[in-house]
Amino acid sequence: MNEINTDNIKSQMRKGVLEYCILSILHKNDAYASSIIATLKKAHMIVVEGTLYPLLTRQKNQGLLNYRWEESQQGPPRKYYTLTDKGREVLEEMDSAWKEIVESIEVIKNQNE
């Protein structure tokens, strides 16, 4: 009999919301990749650079993000990502969609109570 791999389920759920999380992080402040990873790890949305960079590139190519280079006193220049106006609009749509999903799940979970 096959066992259910809950770690895999959690991982798939996280991947599904990572793009939303990235936009949410950048909504507050511009950030560079290491800072975004640190914020995601702090929230237990474990991410490695190999996962983050393709997402950032895709969001940039979709016109949701821009970036700029800034000199750093701790080493090489850093690439800071920032939301575009389109990114802000998409984040608002994602906020609405997230609220609808959470409400729907709550209705389903509470259906038999």
PDB file of N, CA and C in Angstrom:
ATOM      1  N   MET A   1       0.841  -1.190   0.000  1.00  0.00           N
ATOM      2  CA  MET A   1       0.000   0.000   0.000  1.00  0.00           C
ATOM      3  C   MET A   1       0.882   1.248   0.000  1.00  0.00           C
ATOM      4  N   ASN A   2       0.554   2.226  -0.801  1.00  0.00           N
ATOM      5  CA  ASN A   2       1.330   3.469  -0.876  1.00  0.00           C
ATOM      6  C   ASN A   2       1.034   4.371   0.310  1.00  0.00           C
ATOM      7  N   GLU A   3       2.099   4.900   0.902  1.00  0.00           N
ATOM      8  CA  GLU A   3       1.926   5.867   1.980  1.00  0.00           C
ATOM      9  C   GLU A   3       1.808   7.257   1.373  1.00  0.00           C
ATOM     10  N   ILE A   4       1.071   8.087   2.020  1.00  0.00           N
ATOM     11  CA  ILE A   4       0.938   9.470   1.560  1.00  0.00           C
ATOM     12  C   ILE A   4       2.138  10.250   2.065  1.00  0.00           C
ATOM     13  N   ASN A   5       2.792  10.936   1.144  1.00  0.00           N
ATOM     14  CA  ASN A   5       3.974  11.724   1.486  1.00  0.00           C
ATOM     15  C   ASN A   5       3.525  13.154   1.796  1.00  0.00           C
ATOM     16  N   THR A   6       3.287  13.434   3.078  1.00  0.00           N
ATOM     17  CA  THR A   6       2.800  14.765   3.454  1.00  0.00           C
ATOM     18  C   THR A   6       3.836  15.844   3.188  1.00  0.00           C
ATOM     19  N   ASP A   7       5.132  15.513   3.269  1.00  0.00           N
ATOM     20  CA  ASP A   7       6.161  16.515   2.944  1.00  0.00           C
ATOM     21  C   ASP A   7       6.036  16.940   1.491  1.00  0.00           C
ATOM     22  N   ASN A   8       5.776  15.997   0.606  1.00  0.00           N
ATOM     23  CA  ASN A   8       5.619  16.315  -0.808  1.00  0.00           C
ATOM     24  C   ASN A   8       4.374  17.178  -1.030  1.00  0.00           C
ATOM     25  N   ILE A   9       3.299  16.853  -0.336  1.00  0.00           N
ATOM     26  CA  ILE A   9       2.071  17.641  -0.454  1.00  0.00           C
ATOM     27  C   ILE A   9       2.328  19.074  -0.006  1.00  0.00           C
ATOM     28  N   LYS A  10       2.989  19.233   1.134  1.00  0.00           N
ATOM     29  CA  LYS A  10       3.306  20.575   1.637  1.00  0.00           C
ATOM     30  C   LYS A  10       4.184  21.327   0.646  1.00  0.00           C
ATOM     31  N   SER A  11       5.170  20.635   0.094  1.00  0.00           N
ATOM     32  CA  SER A  11       6.079  21.246  -0.867  1.00  0.00           C
ATOM     33  C   SER A  11       5.325  21.750  -2.100  1.00  0.00           C
ATOM     34  N   GLN A  12       4.410  20.943  -2.602  1.00  0.00           N
ATOM     35  CA  GLN A  12       3.623  21.337  -3.771  1.00  0.00           C
ATOM     36  C   GLN A  12       2.721  22.540  -3.453  1.00  0.00           C
ATOM     37  N   MET A  13       2.155  22.559  -2.259  1.00  0.00           N
ATOM     38  CA  MET A  13       1.311  23.685  -1.870  1.00  0.00           C
ATOM     39  C   MET A  13       2.140  24.968  -1.772  1.00  0.00           C
ATOM     40  N   ARG A  14       3.341  24.857  -1.203  1.00  0.00           N
ATOM     41  CA  ARG A  14       4.213  26.029  -1.095  1.00  0.00           C
ATOM     42  C   ARG A  14       4.582  26.562  -2.469  1.00  0.00           C
ATOM     43  N   LYS A  15       4.961  25.653  -3.374  1.00  0.00           N
ATOM     44  CA  LYS A  15       5.342  26.074  -4.726  1.00  0.00           C
ATOM     45  C   LYS A  15       4.205  26.841  -5.384  1.00  0.00           C
ATOM     46  N   GLY A  16       2.986  26.424  -5.092  1.00  0.00           N
ATOM     47  CA  GLY A  16       1.833  27.081  -5.684  1.00  0.00           C
ATOM     48  C   GLY A  16       1.629  28.513  -5.227  1.00  0.00           C
ATOM     49  N   VAL A  17       2.146  28.859  -4.083  1.00  0.00           N
ATOM     50  CA  VAL A  17       1.942  30.220  -3.569  1.00  0.00           C
ATOM     51  C   VAL A  17       3.229  31.050  -3.537  1.00  0.00           C
ATOM     52  N   LEU A  18       4.343  30.497  -3.991  1.00  0.00           N
ATOM     53  CA  LEU A  18       5.610  31.238  -3.922  1.00  0.00           C
ATOM     54  C   LEU A  18       5.581  32.539  -4.713  1.00  0.00           C
ATOM     55  N   GLU A  19       4.998  32.516  -5.900  1.00  0.00           N
ATOM     56  CA  GLU A  19       4.961  33.741  -6.704  1.00  0.00           C
ATOM     57  C   GLU A  19       4.152  34.819  -5.992  1.00  0.00           C
ATOM     58  N   TYR A  20       3.075  34.409  -5.359  1.00  0.00           N
ATOM     59  CA  TYR A  20       2.260  35.338  -4.569  1.00  0.00           C
ATOM     60  C   TYR A  20       3.085  35.893  -3.403  1.00  0.00           C
ATOM     61  N   CYS A  21       3.832  35.027  -2.741  1.00  0.00           N
ATOM     62  CA  CYS A  21       4.673  35.449  -1.618  1.00  0.00           C
ATOM     63  C   CYS A  21       5.733  36.452  -2.060  1.00  0.00           C
ATOM     64  N   ILE A  22       6.352  36.201  -3.199  1.00  0.00           N
ATOM     65  CA  ILE A  22       7.390  37.105  -3.699  1.00  0.00           C
ATOM     66  C   ILE A  22       6.806  38.495  -3.942  1.00  0.00           C
ATOM     67  N   LEU A  23       5.665  38.568  -4.607  1.00  0.00           N
ATOM     68  CA  LEU A  23       5.037  39.867  -4.851  1.00  0.00           C
ATOM     69  C   LEU A  23       4.666  40.549  -3.537  1.00  0.00           C
ATOM     70  N   SER A  24       4.185  39.754  -2.574  1.00  0.00           N
ATOM     71  CA  SER A  24       3.817  40.320  -1.271  1.00  0.00           C
ATOM     72  C   SER A  24       5.027  40.900  -0.551  1.00  0.00           C
ATOM     73  N   ILE A  25       6.159  40.203  -0.615  1.00  0.00           N
ATOM     74  CA  ILE A  25       7.388  40.700   0.014  1.00  0.00           C
ATOM     75  C   ILE A  25       7.821  42.011  -0.633  1.00  0.00           C
ATOM     76  N   LEU A  26       7.794  42.045  -1.966  1.00  0.00           N
ATOM     77  CA  LEU A  26       8.265  43.234  -2.680  1.00  0.00           C
ATOM     78  C   LEU A  26       7.274  44.390  -2.601  1.00  0.00           C
ATOM     79  N   HIS A  27       6.040  44.097  -2.211  1.00  0.00           N
ATOM     80  CA  HIS A  27       5.052  45.166  -2.045  1.00  0.00           C
ATOM     81  C   HIS A  27       5.462  46.093  -0.898  1.00  0.00           C
ATOM     82  N   LYS A  28       6.080  45.512   0.124  1.00  0.00           N
ATOM     83  CA  LYS A  28       6.483  46.304   1.288  1.00  0.00           C
ATOM     84  C   LYS A  28       7.770  47.103   1.018  1.00  0.00           C
ATOM     85  N   ASN A  29       8.764  46.421   0.445  1.00  0.00           N
ATOM     86  CA  ASN A  29      10.057  47.064   0.175  1.00  0.00           C
ATOM     87  C   ASN A  29      10.743  46.376  -0.994  1.00  0.00           C
ATOM     88  N   ASP A  30      11.580  47.118  -1.698  1.00  0.00           N
ATOM     89  CA  ASP A  30      12.446  46.505  -2.698  1.00  0.00           C
ATOM     90  C   ASP A  30      13.392  45.565  -1.953  1.00  0.00           C
ATOM     91  N   ALA A  31      13.829  44.501  -2.621  1.00  0.00           N
ATOM     92  CA  ALA A  31      14.683  43.532  -1.943  1.00  0.00           C
ATOM     93  C   ALA A  31      15.564  42.819  -2.955  1.00  0.00           C
ATOM     94  N   TYR A  32      16.671  42.289  -2.472  1.00  0.00           N
ATOM     95  CA  TYR A  32      17.544  41.467  -3.311  1.00  0.00           C
ATOM     96  C   TYR A  32      17.266  40.008  -2.970  1.00  0.00           C
ATOM     97  N   ALA A  33      17.746  39.103  -3.831  1.00  0.00           N
ATOM     98  CA  ALA A  33      17.365  37.686  -3.740  1.00  0.00           C
ATOM     99  C   ALA A  33      17.644  37.078  -2.368  1.00  0.00           C
ATOM    100  N   SER A  34      18.816  37.321  -1.810  1.00  0.00           N
ATOM    101  CA  SER A  34      19.144  36.725  -0.504  1.00  0.00           C
ATOM    102  C   SER A  34      18.185  37.199   0.580  1.00  0.00           C
ATOM    103  N   SER A  35      17.771  38.434   0.501  1.00  0.00           N
ATOM    104  CA  SER A  35      16.822  38.984   1.465  1.00  0.00           C
ATOM    105  C   SER A  35      15.444  38.333   1.299  1.00  0.00           C
ATOM    106  N   ILE A  36      15.026  38.115   0.044  1.00  0.00           N
ATOM    107  CA  ILE A  36      13.747  37.460  -0.225  1.00  0.00           C
ATOM    108  C   ILE A  36      13.776  36.036   0.327  1.00  0.00           C
ATOM    109  N   ILE A  37      14.878  35.328   0.077  1.00  0.00           N
ATOM    110  CA  ILE A  37      15.024  33.961   0.595  1.00  0.00           C
ATOM    111  C   ILE A  37      14.955  33.955   2.116  1.00  0.00           C
ATOM    112  N   ALA A  38      15.639  34.898   2.764  1.00  0.00           N
ATOM    113  CA  ALA A  38      15.630  34.957   4.225  1.00  0.00           C
ATOM    114  C   ALA A  38      14.210  35.171   4.752  1.00  0.00           C
ATOM    115  N   THR A  39      13.456  36.047   4.091  1.00  0.00           N
ATOM    116  CA  THR A  39      12.079  36.310   4.512  1.00  0.00           C
ATOM    117  C   THR A  39      11.219  35.061   4.342  1.00  0.00           C
ATOM    118  N   LEU A  40      11.390  34.361   3.220  1.00  0.00           N
ATOM    119  CA  LEU A  40      10.630  33.141   2.981  1.00  0.00           C
ATOM    120  C   LEU A  40      10.996  32.058   3.988  1.00  0.00           C
ATOM    121  N   LYS A  41      12.279  31.925   4.291  1.00  0.00           N
ATOM    122  CA  LYS A  41      12.706  30.918   5.270  1.00  0.00           C
ATOM    123  C   LYS A  41      12.159  31.235   6.656  1.00  0.00           C
ATOM    124  N   LYS A  42      12.160  32.511   7.005  1.00  0.00           N
ATOM    125  CA  LYS A  42      11.650  32.932   8.316  1.00  0.00           C
ATOM    126  C   LYS A  42      10.169  32.561   8.452  1.00  0.00           C
ATOM    127  N   ALA A  43       9.463  32.574   7.328  1.00  0.00           N
ATOM    128  CA  ALA A  43       8.041  32.224   7.328  1.00  0.00           C
ATOM    129  C   ALA A  43       7.826  30.725   7.080  1.00  0.00           C
ATOM    130  N   HIS A  44       8.915  29.954   7.105  1.00  0.00           N
ATOM    131  CA  HIS A  44       8.867  28.507   6.884  1.00  0.00           C
ATOM    132  C   HIS A  44       8.395  28.130   5.484  1.00  0.00           C
ATOM    133  N   MET A  45       8.612  29.036   4.539  1.00  0.00           N
ATOM    134  CA  MET A  45       8.366  28.756   3.120  1.00  0.00           C
ATOM    135  C   MET A  45       9.730  28.444   2.517  1.00  0.00           C
ATOM    136  N   ILE A  46      10.322  27.352   2.928  1.00  0.00           N
ATOM    137  CA  ILE A  46      11.704  27.019   2.610  1.00  0.00           C
ATOM    138  C   ILE A  46      11.939  27.114   1.105  1.00  0.00           C
ATOM    139  N   VAL A  47      12.966  27.864   0.769  1.00  0.00           N
ATOM    140  CA  VAL A  47      13.293  28.099  -0.626  1.00  0.00           C
ATOM    141  C   VAL A  47      14.803  28.164  -0.772  1.00  0.00           C
ATOM    142  N   VAL A  48      15.301  27.679  -1.884  1.00  0.00           N
ATOM    143  CA  VAL A  48      16.723  27.797  -2.185  1.00  0.00           C
ATOM    144  C   VAL A  48      16.862  28.691  -3.410  1.00  0.00           C
ATOM    145  N   GLU A  49      18.063  29.224  -3.604  1.00  0.00           N
ATOM    146  CA  GLU A  49      18.267  30.147  -4.716  1.00  0.00           C
ATOM    147  C   GLU A  49      17.859  29.527  -6.043  1.00  0.00           C
ATOM    148  N   GLY A  50      18.122  28.226  -6.207  1.00  0.00           N
ATOM    149  CA  GLY A  50      17.771  27.555  -7.450  1.00  0.00           C
ATOM    150  C   GLY A  50      16.284  27.565  -7.745  1.00  0.00           C
ATOM    151  N   THR A  51      15.467  27.716  -6.706  1.00  0.00           N
ATOM    152  CA  THR A  51      14.017  27.806  -6.876  1.00  0.00           C
ATOM    153  C   THR A  51      13.603  29.253  -7.122  1.00  0.00           C
ATOM    154  N   LEU A  52      14.249  30.182  -6.424  1.00  0.00           N
ATOM    155  CA  LEU A  52      13.832  31.579  -6.469  1.00  0.00           C
ATOM    156  C   LEU A  52      14.163  32.273  -7.788  1.00  0.00           C
ATOM    157  N   TYR A  53      15.377  32.099  -8.277  1.00  0.00           N
ATOM    158  CA  TYR A  53      15.800  32.854  -9.463  1.00  0.00           C
ATOM    159  C   TYR A  53      14.918  32.620 -10.690  1.00  0.00           C
ATOM    160  N   PRO A  54      14.526  31.378 -10.996  1.00  0.00           N
ATOM    161  CA  PRO A  54      13.613  31.211 -12.141  1.00  0.00           C
ATOM    162  C   PRO A  54      12.275  31.927 -11.943  1.00  0.00           C
ATOM    163  N   LEU A  55      11.781  31.950 -10.704  1.00  0.00           N
ATOM    164  CA  LEU A  55      10.525  32.658 -10.427  1.00  0.00           C
ATOM    165  C   LEU A  55      10.695  34.162 -10.632  1.00  0.00           C
ATOM    166  N   LEU A  56      11.800  34.707 -10.128  1.00  0.00           N
ATOM    167  CA  LEU A  56      12.060  36.140 -10.305  1.00  0.00           C
ATOM    168  C   LEU A  56      12.191  36.489 -11.791  1.00  0.00           C
ATOM    169  N   THR A  57      12.889  35.639 -12.538  1.00  0.00           N
ATOM    170  CA  THR A  57      13.060  35.878 -13.978  1.00  0.00           C
ATOM    171  C   THR A  57      11.706  35.834 -14.687  1.00  0.00           C
ATOM    172  N   ARG A  58      10.887  34.834 -14.351  1.00  0.00           N
ATOM    173  CA  ARG A  58       9.569  34.727 -14.976  1.00  0.00           C
ATOM    174  C   ARG A  58       8.716  35.951 -14.656  1.00  0.00           C
ATOM    175  N   GLN A  59       8.729  36.376 -13.387  1.00  0.00           N
ATOM    176  CA  GLN A  59       7.931  37.552 -13.010  1.00  0.00           C
ATOM    177  C   GLN A  59       8.438  38.814 -13.693  1.00  0.00           C
ATOM    178  N   LYS A  60       9.744  38.931 -13.870  1.00  0.00           N
ATOM    179  CA  LYS A  60      10.306  40.082 -14.588  1.00  0.00           C
ATOM    180  C   LYS A  60       9.865  40.042 -16.047  1.00  0.00           C
ATOM    181  N   ASN A  61       9.950  38.865 -16.669  1.00  0.00           N
ATOM    182  CA  ASN A  61       9.550  38.721 -18.072  1.00  0.00           C
ATOM    183  C   ASN A  61       8.055  38.979 -18.276  1.00  0.00           C
ATOM    184  N   GLN A  62       7.271  38.755 -17.240  1.00  0.00           N
ATOM    185  CA  GLN A  62       5.827  39.022 -17.302  1.00  0.00           C
ATOM    186  C   GLN A  62       5.517  40.501 -17.040  1.00  0.00           C
ATOM    187  N   GLY A  63       6.553  41.283 -16.725  1.00  0.00           N
ATOM    188  CA  GLY A  63       6.355  42.707 -16.466  1.00  0.00           C
ATOM    189  C   GLY A  63       5.894  43.022 -15.063  1.00  0.00           C
ATOM    190  N   LEU A  64       6.014  42.051 -14.137  1.00  0.00           N
ATOM    191  CA  LEU A  64       5.568  42.259 -12.762  1.00  0.00           C
ATOM    192  C   LEU A  64       6.655  42.890 -11.898  1.00  0.00           C
ATOM    193  N   LEU A  65       7.916  42.680 -12.281  1.00  0.00           N
ATOM    194  CA  LEU A  65       9.069  43.173 -11.525  1.00  0.00           C
ATOM    195  C   LEU A  65      10.042  43.896 -12.437  1.00  0.00           C
ATOM    196  N   ASN A  66      10.775  44.804 -11.841  1.00  0.00           N
ATOM    197  CA  ASN A  66      11.966  45.394 -12.439  1.00  0.00           C
ATOM    198  C   ASN A  66      13.094  45.177 -11.458  1.00  0.00           C
ATOM    199  N   TYR A  67      14.306  45.474 -11.870  1.00  0.00           N
ATOM    200  CA  TYR A  67      15.425  45.423 -10.929  1.00  0.00           C
ATOM    201  C   TYR A  67      16.417  46.522 -11.234  1.00  0.00           C
ATOM    202  N   ARG A  68      17.226  46.807 -10.245  1.00  0.00           N
ATOM    203  CA  ARG A  68      18.309  47.781 -10.382  1.00  0.00           C
ATOM    204  C   ARG A  68      19.503  47.241  -9.609  1.00  0.00           C
ATOM    205  N   TRP A  69      20.688  47.651 -10.020  1.00  0.00           N
ATOM    206  CA  TRP A  69      21.899  47.242  -9.322  1.00  0.00           C
ATOM    207  C   TRP A  69      22.278  48.317  -8.323  1.00  0.00           C
ATOM    208  N   GLU A  70      22.644  47.897  -7.116  1.00  0.00           N
ATOM    209  CA  GLU A  70      23.119  48.836  -6.091  1.00  0.00           C
ATOM    210  C   GLU A  70      24.437  48.329  -5.542  1.00  0.00           C
ATOM    211  N   GLU A  71      25.356  49.246  -5.333  1.00  0.00           N
ATOM    212  CA  GLU A  71      26.641  48.885  -4.725  1.00  0.00           C
ATOM    213  C   GLU A  71      26.400  48.380  -3.311  1.00  0.00           C
ATOM    214  N   SER A  72      27.235  47.440  -2.882  1.00  0.00           N
ATOM    215  CA  SER A  72      27.125  46.884  -1.541  1.00  0.00           C
ATOM    216  C   SER A  72      28.468  47.021  -0.839  1.00  0.00           C
ATOM    217  N   GLN A  73      28.431  47.367   0.438  1.00  0.00           N
ATOM    218  CA  GLN A  73      29.671  47.455   1.213  1.00  0.00           C
ATOM    219  C   GLN A  73      30.165  46.071   1.614  1.00  0.00           C
ATOM    220  N   GLN A  74      29.298  45.055   1.504  1.00  0.00           N
ATOM    221  CA  GLN A  74      29.669  43.694   1.906  1.00  0.00           C
ATOM    222  C   GLN A  74      30.070  42.810   0.731  1.00  0.00           C
ATOM    223  N   GLY A  75      30.357  43.390  -0.424  1.00  0.00           N
ATOM    224  CA  GLY A  75      30.759  42.563  -1.556  1.00  0.00           C
ATOM    225  C   GLY A  75      30.323  43.162  -2.870  1.00  0.00           C
ATOM    226  N   PRO A  76      29.991  42.291  -3.825  1.00  0.00           N
ATOM    227  CA  PRO A  76      29.628  42.776  -5.158  1.00  0.00           C
ATOM    228  C   PRO A  76      28.295  43.517  -5.144  1.00  0.00           C
ATOM    229  N   PRO A  77      28.000  44.259  -6.209  1.00  0.00           N
ATOM    230  CA  PRO A  77      26.704  44.957  -6.280  1.00  0.00           C
ATOM    231  C   PRO A  77      25.548  43.966  -6.161  1.00  0.00           C
ATOM    232  N   ARG A  78      24.437  44.455  -5.630  1.00  0.00           N
ATOM    233  CA  ARG A  78      23.251  43.612  -5.447  1.00  0.00           C
ATOM    234  C   ARG A  78      22.165  44.033  -6.424  1.00  0.00           C
ATOM    235  N   LYS A  79      21.432  43.024  -6.897  1.00  0.00           N
ATOM    236  CA  LYS A  79      20.304  43.264  -7.787  1.00  0.00           C
ATOM    237  C   LYS A  79      19.053  43.378  -6.921  1.00  0.00           C
ATOM    238  N   TYR A  80      18.514  44.592  -6.839  1.00  0.00           N
ATOM    239  CA  TYR A  80      17.302  44.838  -6.062  1.00  0.00           C
ATOM    240  C   TYR A  80      16.083  44.755  -6.970  1.00  0.00           C
ATOM    241  N   TYR A  81      15.105  43.948  -6.535  1.00  0.00           N
ATOM    242  CA  TYR A  81      13.868  43.789  -7.291  1.00  0.00           C
ATOM    243  C   TYR A  81      12.809  44.729  -6.747  1.00  0.00           C
ATOM    244  N   THR A  82      11.979  45.238  -7.628  1.00  0.00           N
ATOM    245  CA  THR A  82      10.905  46.144  -7.251  1.00  0.00           C
ATOM    246  C   THR A  82       9.652  45.795  -8.052  1.00  0.00           C
ATOM    247  N   LEU A  83       8.489  46.024  -7.476  1.00  0.00           N
ATOM    248  CA  LEU A  83       7.224  45.781  -8.179  1.00  0.00           C
ATOM    249  C   LEU A  83       6.979  46.866  -9.217  1.00  0.00           C
ATOM    250  N   THR A  84       6.433  46.470 -10.346  1.00  0.00           N
ATOM    251  CA  THR A  84       5.966  47.433 -11.340  1.00  0.00           C
ATOM    252  C   THR A  84       4.498  47.737 -11.037  1.00  0.00           C
ATOM    253  N   ASP A  85       3.926  48.691 -11.764  1.00  0.00           N
ATOM    254  CA  ASP A  85       2.495  48.956 -11.602  1.00  0.00           C
ATOM    255  C   ASP A  85       1.678  47.718 -11.929  1.00  0.00           C
ATOM    256  N   LYS A  86       2.081  46.998 -12.986  1.00  0.00           N
ATOM    257  CA  LYS A  86       1.395  45.752 -13.348  1.00  0.00           C
ATOM    258  C   LYS A  86       1.531  44.731 -12.214  1.00  0.00           C
ATOM    259  N   GLY A  87       2.707  44.670 -11.580  1.00  0.00           N
ATOM    260  CA  GLY A  87       2.925  43.766 -10.456  1.00  0.00           C
ATOM    261  C   GLY A  87       1.995  44.085  -9.294  1.00  0.00           C
ATOM    262  N   ARG A  88       1.785  45.375  -9.046  1.00  0.00           N
ATOM    263  CA  ARG A  88       0.874  45.771  -7.969  1.00  0.00           C
ATOM    264  C   ARG A  88      -0.561  45.345  -8.284  1.00  0.00           C
ATOM    265  N   GLU A  89      -0.968  45.519  -9.559  1.00  0.00           N
ATOM    266  CA  GLU A  89      -2.316  45.118  -9.978  1.00  0.00           C
ATOM    267  C   GLU A  89      -2.493  43.605  -9.814  1.00  0.00           C
ATOM    268  N   VAL A  90      -1.501  42.836 -10.256  1.00  0.00           N
ATOM    269  CA  VAL A  90      -1.579  41.380 -10.150  1.00  0.00           C
ATOM    270  C   VAL A  90      -1.617  40.963  -8.680  1.00  0.00           C
ATOM    271  N   LEU A  91      -0.845  41.635  -7.833  1.00  0.00           N
ATOM    272  CA  LEU A  91      -0.859  41.325  -6.404  1.00  0.00           C
ATOM    273  C   LEU A  91      -2.248  41.571  -5.818  1.00  0.00           C
ATOM    274  N   GLU A  92      -2.899  42.649  -6.210  1.00  0.00           N
ATOM    275  CA  GLU A  92      -4.262  42.909  -5.721  1.00  0.00           C
ATOM    276  C   GLU A  92      -5.207  41.786  -6.137  1.00  0.00           C
ATOM    277  N   GLU A  93      -5.066  41.320  -7.388  1.00  0.00           N
ATOM    278  CA  GLU A  93      -5.905  40.219  -7.867  1.00  0.00           C
ATOM    279  C   GLU A  93      -5.600  38.939  -7.081  1.00  0.00           C
ATOM    280  N   MET A  94      -4.307  38.697  -6.812  1.00  0.00           N
ATOM    281  CA  MET A  94      -3.928  37.512  -6.034  1.00  0.00           C
ATOM    282  C   MET A  94      -4.462  37.603  -4.613  1.00  0.00           C
ATOM    283  N   ASP A  95      -4.436  38.800  -4.017  1.00  0.00           N
ATOM    284  CA  ASP A  95      -4.999  38.987  -2.672  1.00  0.00           C
ATOM    285  C   ASP A  95      -6.471  38.586  -2.654  1.00  0.00           C
ATOM    286  N   SER A  96      -7.222  39.048  -3.649  1.00  0.00           N
ATOM    287  CA  SER A  96      -8.649  38.712  -3.725  1.00  0.00           C
ATOM    288  C   SER A  96      -8.847  37.217  -3.917  1.00  0.00           C
ATOM    289  N   ALA A  97      -8.060  36.635  -4.822  1.00  0.00           N
ATOM    290  CA  ALA A  97      -8.181  35.199  -5.087  1.00  0.00           C
ATOM    291  C   ALA A  97      -7.842  34.389  -3.836  1.00  0.00           C
ATOM    292  N   TRP A  98      -6.793  34.809  -3.110  1.00  0.00           N
ATOM    293  CA  TRP A  98      -6.393  34.098  -1.891  1.00  0.00           C
ATOM    294  C   TRP A  98      -7.523  34.128  -0.859  1.00  0.00           C
ATOM    295  N   LYS A  99      -8.138  35.307  -0.671  1.00  0.00           N
ATOM    296  CA  LYS A  99      -9.238  35.428   0.292  1.00  0.00           C
ATOM    297  C   LYS A  99     -10.399  34.524  -0.094  1.00  0.00           C
ATOM    298  N   GLU A 100     -10.710  34.458  -1.401  1.00  0.00           N
ATOM    299  CA  GLU A 100     -11.796  33.594  -1.867  1.00  0.00           C
ATOM    300  C   GLU A 100     -11.475  32.126  -1.595  1.00  0.00           C
ATOM    301  N   ILE A 101     -10.235  31.723  -1.869  1.00  0.00           N
ATOM    302  CA  ILE A 101      -9.831  30.324  -1.654  1.00  0.00           C
ATOM    303  C   ILE A 101      -9.929  29.957  -0.179  1.00  0.00           C
ATOM    304  N   VAL A 102      -9.405  30.835   0.679  1.00  0.00           N
ATOM    305  CA  VAL A 102      -9.438  30.565   2.120  1.00  0.00           C
ATOM    306  C   VAL A 102     -10.887  30.461   2.601  1.00  0.00           C
ATOM    307  N   GLU A 103     -11.742  31.385   2.141  1.00  0.00           N
ATOM    308  CA  GLU A 103     -13.149  31.335   2.539  1.00  0.00           C
ATOM    309  C   GLU A 103     -13.808  30.046   2.051  1.00  0.00           C
ATOM    310  N   SER A 104     -13.505  29.634   0.821  1.00  0.00           N
ATOM    311  CA  SER A 104     -14.086  28.406   0.274  1.00  0.00           C
ATOM    312  C   SER A 104     -13.648  27.184   1.071  1.00  0.00           C
ATOM    313  N   ILE A 105     -12.374  27.124   1.406  1.00  0.00           N
ATOM    314  CA  ILE A 105     -11.863  25.998   2.184  1.00  0.00           C
ATOM    315  C   ILE A 105     -12.528  25.959   3.563  1.00  0.00           C
ATOM    316  N   GLU A 106     -12.697  27.119   4.175  1.00  0.00           N
ATOM    317  CA  GLU A 106     -13.354  27.171   5.482  1.00  0.00           C
ATOM    318  C   GLU A 106     -14.792  26.670   5.379  1.00  0.00           C
ATOM    319  N   VAL A 107     -15.505  27.043   4.317  1.00  0.00           N
ATOM    320  CA  VAL A 107     -16.875  26.569   4.135  1.00  0.00           C
ATOM    321  C   VAL A 107     -16.891  25.050   4.036  1.00  0.00           C
ATOM    322  N   ILE A 108     -15.966  24.498   3.231  1.00  0.00           N
ATOM    323  CA  ILE A 108     -15.895  23.043   3.068  1.00  0.00           C
ATOM    324  C   ILE A 108     -15.534  22.355   4.375  1.00  0.00           C
ATOM    325  N   LYS A 109     -14.536  22.881   5.091  1.00  0.00           N
ATOM    326  CA  LYS A 109     -14.119  22.260   6.347  1.00  0.00           C
ATOM    327  C   LYS A 109     -15.220  22.302   7.391  1.00  0.00           C
ATOM    328  N   ASN A 110     -16.003  23.359   7.402  1.00  0.00           N
ATOM    329  CA  ASN A 110     -17.037  23.533   8.428  1.00  0.00           C
ATOM    330  C   ASN A 110     -18.389  22.982   8.023  1.00  0.00           C
ATOM    331  N   GLN A 111     -18.487  22.422   6.837  1.00  0.00           N
ATOM    332  CA  GLN A 111     -19.743  21.947   6.280  1.00  0.00           C
ATOM    333  C   GLN A 111     -20.446  20.927   7.153  1.00  0.00           C
ATOM    334  N   ASN A 112     -19.682  20.038   7.772  1.00  0.00           N
ATOM    335  CA  ASN A 112     -20.298  18.970   8.555  1.00  0.00           C
ATOM    336  C   ASN A 112     -20.344  19.246  10.051  1.00  0.00           C
ATOM    337  N   GLU A 113     -20.083  20.434  10.439  1.00  0.00           N
ATOM    338  CA  GLU A 113     -20.077  20.745  11.883  1.00  0.00           C
ATOM    339  C   GLU A 113     -21.442  21.198  12.356  1.00  0.00           C
TER     340      GLU A 113
END
